[in-house]
């Protein structure tokens, strides 16, 4: 099963920071929960039209949500590929926890190939 999610800017909500906040605090946790509940997804593609903004330090809550998302991805029983949106927060968070995620995956699924992330 392949799942493609597209998130677009809301023209009514003009505040860029509020839209990013909505994504990281509402949408990303929902996607994470969906991964935990649907065990037959093989490919997940997320398209997010928010422009990356590396000048702003993200709130801790966004980092935590991103970490939980990656953990759900690595520990998913059937997910093999993910094509997430590009965001500096994603790259930094993934690099910070990559070793731990790989170890957890190998422990839980010793015979399964590591999932592929297209960043």
Protein backbone atom coordinates (compact mmCIF):
# COMPACT_ATOMS: atom_id res chain seq x y z
CA UNK A 1 0.00 0.00 0.00
CA UNK A 2 1.27 3.45 -0.88
CA UNK A 3 0.10 6.57 0.88
CA UNK A 4 0.67 10.09 -0.42
CA UNK A 5 -0.22 13.06 1.77
CA UNK A 6 -0.19 16.64 0.50
CA UNK A 7 -0.43 19.65 2.76
CA UNK A 8 -1.06 23.06 1.28
CA UNK A 9 -1.08 26.54 2.72
CA UNK A 10 -4.42 27.73 3.96
CA UNK A 11 -5.18 31.04 2.19
CA UNK A 12 -7.34 32.11 5.12
CA UNK A 13 -4.53 31.59 7.62
CA UNK A 14 -1.91 34.08 6.41
CA UNK A 15 0.50 33.65 9.30
CA UNK A 16 3.31 31.34 8.11
CA UNK A 17 4.37 30.48 11.67
CA UNK A 18 0.82 29.50 12.66
CA UNK A 19 0.59 27.19 9.67
CA UNK A 20 3.90 25.54 10.54
CA UNK A 21 2.73 25.23 14.14
CA UNK A 22 -0.51 23.62 12.98
CA UNK A 23 1.47 21.14 10.90
CA UNK A 24 3.97 20.12 13.60
CA UNK A 25 1.52 20.13 16.50
CA UNK A 26 -1.57 18.66 14.84
CA UNK A 27 -0.88 17.03 11.48
CA UNK A 28 2.44 15.31 12.19
CA UNK A 29 1.11 13.60 15.36
CA UNK A 30 -1.93 12.40 13.36
CA UNK A 31 0.33 10.94 10.65
CA UNK A 32 2.45 9.29 13.36
CA UNK A 33 -0.64 7.70 14.93
CA UNK A 34 -1.85 6.59 11.51
CA UNK A 35 1.48 4.80 10.95
CA UNK A 36 1.07 3.02 14.27
CA UNK A 37 -2.46 1.86 13.39
CA UNK A 38 -2.03 0.86 9.73
CA UNK A 39 0.57 -1.85 9.46
CA UNK A 40 0.34 -2.52 5.72
CA UNK A 41 1.70 0.79 4.41
CA UNK A 42 4.82 0.23 2.31
CA UNK A 43 5.56 3.70 0.92
CA UNK A 44 4.74 7.02 2.55
CA UNK A 45 5.19 10.26 0.66
CA UNK A 46 4.56 13.60 2.36
CA UNK A 47 4.35 16.75 0.32
CA UNK A 48 4.41 19.94 2.32
CA UNK A 49 4.39 23.30 0.58
CA UNK A 50 5.76 25.23 3.54
CA UNK A 51 9.04 26.83 2.69
CA UNK A 52 11.89 25.72 4.92
CA UNK A 53 12.82 28.37 7.43
CA UNK A 54 16.15 27.69 9.05
CA UNK A 55 16.41 31.13 10.66
CA UNK A 56 13.92 30.27 13.41
CA UNK A 57 14.75 27.82 16.19
CA UNK A 58 11.90 25.32 16.33
CA UNK A 59 10.04 24.84 19.60
CA UNK A 60 10.94 21.71 21.58
CA UNK A 61 7.45 20.34 20.93
CA UNK A 62 8.11 20.31 17.15
CA UNK A 63 11.39 18.46 17.67
CA UNK A 64 9.66 15.89 19.88
CA UNK A 65 6.87 15.37 17.33
CA UNK A 66 9.46 14.90 14.57
CA UNK A 67 11.38 12.38 16.72
CA UNK A 68 8.19 10.42 17.38
CA UNK A 69 7.39 10.44 13.66
CA UNK A 70 10.79 8.96 12.79
CA UNK A 71 10.47 6.37 15.53
CA UNK A 72 7.06 5.28 14.20
CA UNK A 73 8.58 5.06 10.72
CA UNK A 74 11.59 2.98 11.74
CA UNK A 75 9.58 0.64 13.94
CA UNK A 76 6.76 0.18 11.41
CA UNK A 77 6.44 -3.50 10.39
CA UNK A 78 5.95 -2.96 6.65
CA UNK A 79 7.05 0.58 5.75
CA UNK A 80 10.05 0.39 3.43
CA UNK A 81 10.34 3.87 1.94
CA UNK A 82 9.52 7.38 2.95
CA UNK A 83 9.73 10.55 0.91
CA UNK A 84 9.18 13.31 3.44
CA UNK A 85 9.03 17.00 2.74
CA UNK A 86 12.28 18.91 2.89
CA UNK A 87 12.80 20.84 6.11
CA UNK A 88 15.95 21.63 8.06
CA UNK A 89 14.23 20.38 11.24
CA UNK A 90 13.72 16.99 9.61
CA UNK A 91 17.35 16.58 8.63
CA UNK A 92 18.72 17.71 11.99
CA UNK A 93 16.32 15.53 13.97
CA UNK A 94 16.97 12.48 11.82
CA UNK A 95 20.75 12.85 12.04
CA UNK A 96 20.56 13.23 15.82
CA UNK A 97 18.64 10.00 16.34
CA UNK A 98 19.70 7.93 13.30
CA UNK A 99 22.01 5.55 15.20
CA UNK A 100 19.41 4.86 17.90
CA UNK A 101 16.65 4.29 15.32
CA UNK A 102 18.79 1.83 13.37
CA UNK A 103 19.64 -0.10 16.53
CA UNK A 104 15.97 -0.27 17.57
CA UNK A 105 14.93 -1.42 14.10
CA UNK A 106 17.59 -4.17 13.98
CA UNK A 107 16.59 -5.40 17.44
CA UNK A 108 12.87 -5.53 16.62
CA UNK A 109 13.21 -6.77 13.00
CA UNK A 110 16.58 -8.53 12.70
CA UNK A 111 15.79 -10.00 9.26
CA UNK A 112 14.10 -6.94 7.76
CA UNK A 113 15.99 -4.45 5.62
CA UNK A 114 16.35 -0.95 7.04
CA UNK A 115 13.76 1.49 5.71
CA UNK A 116 14.92 4.00 3.10
CA UNK A 117 14.51 7.72 3.64
CA UNK A 118 14.70 10.08 0.68
CA UNK A 119 15.77 13.36 2.28
